[in-house]
């Protein structure tokens, strides 16, 4: 049985003018894709008025809560004891967001209650993905 958990997350978008704007987001985890976490943003916070989802490794989230982590499009690092910075790179630019570390940690622990670390059945997820991609061919 596939299980999905969602958790609202309040973030602060740091602008080029060093202002902090509140942003609503949703953290999501699906046991069908056990190595990934999703960060969903509603249409009203995107440049094109469309909802945006960022997908990255659950291990990256865990690593970024205690030290600098990430390469490519997603980077995370702790900022003091209470905040974690999430930096997102896209062809349209860069977004720098601050999340409460306690909320991210709580979400991560909830994901491990669904699928424990090291217990991810990657083979089954790959098989489902290939079947979906090739339509049983």
C-alpha atoms as a PDB file:
ATOM      1  CA  UNK A   1       0.000   0.000   0.000  1.00  0.00           C
ATOM      2  CA  UNK A   2       1.387   3.363  -1.045  1.00  0.00           C
ATOM      3  CA  UNK A   3       1.360   6.047   1.638  1.00  0.00           C
ATOM      4  CA  UNK A   4       1.727   9.777   1.041  1.00  0.00           C
ATOM      5  CA  UNK A   5       2.293  12.313   3.781  1.00  0.00           C
ATOM      6  CA  UNK A   6       2.051  16.070   3.461  1.00  0.00           C
ATOM      7  CA  UNK A   7       3.057  18.792   5.858  1.00  0.00           C
ATOM      8  CA  UNK A   8       2.465  22.524   5.389  1.00  0.00           C
ATOM      9  CA  UNK A   9       5.667  24.504   5.759  1.00  0.00           C
ATOM     10  CA  UNK A  10       6.070  28.226   6.186  1.00  0.00           C
ATOM     11  CA  UNK A  11       9.156  29.652   4.550  1.00  0.00           C
ATOM     12  CA  UNK A  12      10.690  33.066   4.201  1.00  0.00           C
ATOM     13  CA  UNK A  13      11.912  34.033   0.730  1.00  0.00           C
ATOM     14  CA  UNK A  14      15.034  36.201   0.975  1.00  0.00           C
ATOM     15  CA  UNK A  15      14.995  38.794  -1.802  1.00  0.00           C
ATOM     16  CA  UNK A  16      17.902  40.548  -3.513  1.00  0.00           C
ATOM     17  CA  UNK A  17      17.069  43.553  -1.310  1.00  0.00           C
ATOM     18  CA  UNK A  18      17.533  41.357   1.806  1.00  0.00           C
ATOM     19  CA  UNK A  19      13.815  41.451   2.556  1.00  0.00           C
ATOM     20  CA  UNK A  20      12.100  38.332   3.878  1.00  0.00           C
ATOM     21  CA  UNK A  21       8.721  37.542   2.336  1.00  0.00           C
ATOM     22  CA  UNK A  22       6.474  34.806   3.767  1.00  0.00           C
ATOM     23  CA  UNK A  23       5.851  31.887   1.417  1.00  0.00           C
ATOM     24  CA  UNK A  24       3.517  28.946   1.884  1.00  0.00           C
ATOM     25  CA  UNK A  25       4.825  25.555   0.790  1.00  0.00           C
ATOM     26  CA  UNK A  26       3.978  21.906   1.313  1.00  0.00           C
ATOM     27  CA  UNK A  27       6.459  19.161   2.083  1.00  0.00           C
ATOM     28  CA  UNK A  28       5.403  15.827   0.597  1.00  0.00           C
ATOM     29  CA  UNK A  29       6.677  12.257   0.746  1.00  0.00           C
ATOM     30  CA  UNK A  30       5.344   9.200  -1.075  1.00  0.00           C
ATOM     31  CA  UNK A  31       6.306   5.656  -0.196  1.00  0.00           C
ATOM     32  CA  UNK A  32       6.016   4.834  -3.921  1.00  0.00           C
ATOM     33  CA  UNK A  33       9.123   7.012  -4.469  1.00  0.00           C
ATOM     34  CA  UNK A  34      10.949   6.267  -1.204  1.00  0.00           C
ATOM     35  CA  UNK A  35      14.203   8.098  -1.874  1.00  0.00           C
ATOM     36  CA  UNK A  36      12.624  11.447  -2.771  1.00  0.00           C
ATOM     37  CA  UNK A  37      10.923  14.324  -1.016  1.00  0.00           C
ATOM     38  CA  UNK A  38       8.839  16.975  -2.731  1.00  0.00           C
ATOM     39  CA  UNK A  39       8.578  20.673  -2.006  1.00  0.00           C
ATOM     40  CA  UNK A  40       5.364  22.080  -3.520  1.00  0.00           C
ATOM     41  CA  UNK A  41       4.741  25.792  -4.015  1.00  0.00           C
ATOM     42  CA  UNK A  42       1.302  27.195  -4.898  1.00  0.00           C
ATOM     43  CA  UNK A  43       0.695  29.140  -8.146  1.00  0.00           C
ATOM     44  CA  UNK A  44       0.595  32.517  -6.391  1.00  0.00           C
ATOM     45  CA  UNK A  45       4.316  32.373  -5.527  1.00  0.00           C
ATOM     46  CA  UNK A  46       5.680  31.383  -8.939  1.00  0.00           C
ATOM     47  CA  UNK A  47       6.748  33.699 -11.732  1.00  0.00           C
ATOM     48  CA  UNK A  48       4.404  32.135 -14.290  1.00  0.00           C
ATOM     49  CA  UNK A  49       1.367  31.615 -12.053  1.00  0.00           C
ATOM     50  CA  UNK A  50       1.718  27.818 -12.148  1.00  0.00           C
ATOM     51  CA  UNK A  51       2.272  25.576  -9.147  1.00  0.00           C
ATOM     52  CA  UNK A  52       5.875  24.420  -8.827  1.00  0.00           C
ATOM     53  CA  UNK A  53       7.244  21.196  -7.355  1.00  0.00           C
ATOM     54  CA  UNK A  54      10.891  20.618  -6.525  1.00  0.00           C
ATOM     55  CA  UNK A  55      11.981  17.012  -6.054  1.00  0.00           C
ATOM     56  CA  UNK A  56      15.204  16.055  -4.307  1.00  0.00           C
ATOM     57  CA  UNK A  57      16.710  13.230  -2.298  1.00  0.00           C
ATOM     58  CA  UNK A  58      15.441  12.538   1.207  1.00  0.00           C
ATOM     59  CA  UNK A  59      19.089  11.983   2.162  1.00  0.00           C
ATOM     60  CA  UNK A  60      19.898  15.512   0.970  1.00  0.00           C
ATOM     61  CA  UNK A  61      17.277  16.909   3.334  1.00  0.00           C
ATOM     62  CA  UNK A  62      18.738  14.914   6.219  1.00  0.00           C
ATOM     63  CA  UNK A  63      22.292  15.974   5.418  1.00  0.00           C
ATOM     64  CA  UNK A  64      21.322  19.634   4.994  1.00  0.00           C
ATOM     65  CA  UNK A  65      19.867  19.821   8.499  1.00  0.00           C
ATOM     66  CA  UNK A  66      23.321  19.360  10.025  1.00  0.00           C
ATOM     67  CA  UNK A  67      25.720  20.805   7.458  1.00  0.00           C
ATOM     68  CA  UNK A  68      26.069  22.157   3.924  1.00  0.00           C
ATOM     69  CA  UNK A  69      24.676  19.697   1.388  1.00  0.00           C
ATOM     70  CA  UNK A  70      23.771  19.501  -2.256  1.00  0.00           C
ATOM     71  CA  UNK A  71      25.089  20.076  -5.705  1.00  0.00           C
ATOM     72  CA  UNK A  72      23.311  21.096  -8.845  1.00  0.00           C
ATOM     73  CA  UNK A  73      19.881  22.665  -8.479  1.00  0.00           C
ATOM     74  CA  UNK A  74      19.225  22.161  -4.744  1.00  0.00           C
ATOM     75  CA  UNK A  75      21.460  23.156  -1.828  1.00  0.00           C
ATOM     76  CA  UNK A  76      20.664  23.118   1.904  1.00  0.00           C
ATOM     77  CA  UNK A  77      22.518  24.252   4.990  1.00  0.00           C
ATOM     78  CA  UNK A  78      21.774  25.095   8.620  1.00  0.00           C
ATOM     79  CA  UNK A  79      21.604  28.762   9.545  1.00  0.00           C
ATOM     80  CA  UNK A  80      22.030  29.061  13.280  1.00  0.00           C
ATOM     81  CA  UNK A  81      20.166  26.540  15.384  1.00  0.00           C
ATOM     82  CA  UNK A  82      16.622  27.400  14.328  1.00  0.00           C
ATOM     83  CA  UNK A  83      16.719  27.855  10.540  1.00  0.00           C
ATOM     84  CA  UNK A  84      17.686  25.831   7.492  1.00  0.00           C
ATOM     85  CA  UNK A  85      18.328  27.514   4.165  1.00  0.00           C
ATOM     86  CA  UNK A  86      17.102  25.898   0.954  1.00  0.00           C
ATOM     87  CA  UNK A  87      18.612  27.321  -2.222  1.00  0.00           C
ATOM     88  CA  UNK A  88      16.865  26.424  -5.488  1.00  0.00           C
ATOM     89  CA  UNK A  89      18.444  27.058  -8.900  1.00  0.00           C
ATOM     90  CA  UNK A  90      16.430  27.105 -12.131  1.00  0.00           C
ATOM     91  CA  UNK A  91      16.909  28.558 -15.610  1.00  0.00           C
ATOM     92  CA  UNK A  92      14.739  31.483 -14.426  1.00  0.00           C
ATOM     93  CA  UNK A  93      17.003  32.325 -11.503  1.00  0.00           C
ATOM     94  CA  UNK A  94      17.648  31.507  -7.887  1.00  0.00           C
ATOM     95  CA  UNK A  95      15.395  31.312  -4.837  1.00  0.00           C
ATOM     96  CA  UNK A  96      16.783  31.448  -1.315  1.00  0.00           C
ATOM     97  CA  UNK A  97      14.333  30.257   1.341  1.00  0.00           C
ATOM     98  CA  UNK A  98      14.572  29.893   5.097  1.00  0.00           C
ATOM     99  CA  UNK A  99      12.608  27.140   6.834  1.00  0.00           C
ATOM    100  CA  UNK A 100      12.253  26.363  10.517  1.00  0.00           C
ATOM    101  CA  UNK A 101      14.645  23.483  11.134  1.00  0.00           C
ATOM    102  CA  UNK A 102      12.273  21.884  13.645  1.00  0.00           C
ATOM    103  CA  UNK A 103       9.520  21.655  10.998  1.00  0.00           C
ATOM    104  CA  UNK A 104      11.880  20.078   8.456  1.00  0.00           C
ATOM    105  CA  UNK A 105      13.179  17.618  11.054  1.00  0.00           C
ATOM    106  CA  UNK A 106       9.612  16.717  12.084  1.00  0.00           C
ATOM    107  CA  UNK A 107       8.730  16.043   8.438  1.00  0.00           C
ATOM    108  CA  UNK A 108      11.848  13.922   7.942  1.00  0.00           C
ATOM    109  CA  UNK A 109      11.020  11.829  11.009  1.00  0.00           C
ATOM    110  CA  UNK A 110       7.493  11.302   9.666  1.00  0.00           C
ATOM    111  CA  UNK A 111       8.970  10.005   6.386  1.00  0.00           C
ATOM    112  CA  UNK A 112      11.140   7.528   8.291  1.00  0.00           C
ATOM    113  CA  UNK A 113       8.045   6.290  10.127  1.00  0.00           C
ATOM    114  CA  UNK A 114       6.604   5.409   6.694  1.00  0.00           C
ATOM    115  CA  UNK A 115       9.794   3.963   5.155  1.00  0.00           C
ATOM    116  CA  UNK A 116      12.801   3.588   7.420  1.00  0.00           C
ATOM    117  CA  UNK A 117      16.267   4.683   6.348  1.00  0.00           C
ATOM    118  CA  UNK A 118      17.902   1.834   4.453  1.00  0.00           C
ATOM    119  CA  UNK A 119      14.541   0.080   3.983  1.00  0.00           C
ATOM    120  CA  UNK A 120      13.673   1.720   0.679  1.00  0.00           C
ATOM    121  CA  UNK A 121      12.577  -0.895  -1.861  1.00  0.00           C
ATOM    122  CA  UNK A 122      14.165   0.796  -4.833  1.00  0.00           C
ATOM    123  CA  UNK A 123      13.686  -2.221  -7.095  1.00  0.00           C
ATOM    124  CA  UNK A 124       9.905  -2.077  -6.783  1.00  0.00           C
ATOM    125  CA  UNK A 125       9.869   1.683  -7.429  1.00  0.00           C
ATOM    126  CA  UNK A 126      12.046   1.246 -10.531  1.00  0.00           C
ATOM    127  CA  UNK A 127       9.822  -1.571 -11.784  1.00  0.00           C
ATOM    128  CA  UNK A 128       6.689   0.595 -11.364  1.00  0.00           C
ATOM    129  CA  UNK A 129       8.387   3.480 -13.143  1.00  0.00           C
ATOM    130  CA  UNK A 130       9.514   1.341 -16.067  1.00  0.00           C
ATOM    131  CA  UNK A 131       6.078  -0.226 -16.378  1.00  0.00           C
ATOM    132  CA  UNK A 132       4.510   3.230 -16.408  1.00  0.00           C
ATOM    133  CA  UNK A 133       7.044   4.510 -18.929  1.00  0.00           C
ATOM    134  CA  UNK A 134       6.799   1.591 -21.350  1.00  0.00           C
ATOM    135  CA  UNK A 135       3.141   0.720 -20.752  1.00  0.00           C
ATOM    136  CA  UNK A 136       3.755  -2.989 -20.350  1.00  0.00           C
ATOM    137  CA  UNK A 137       5.557  -3.309 -23.707  1.00  0.00           C
END
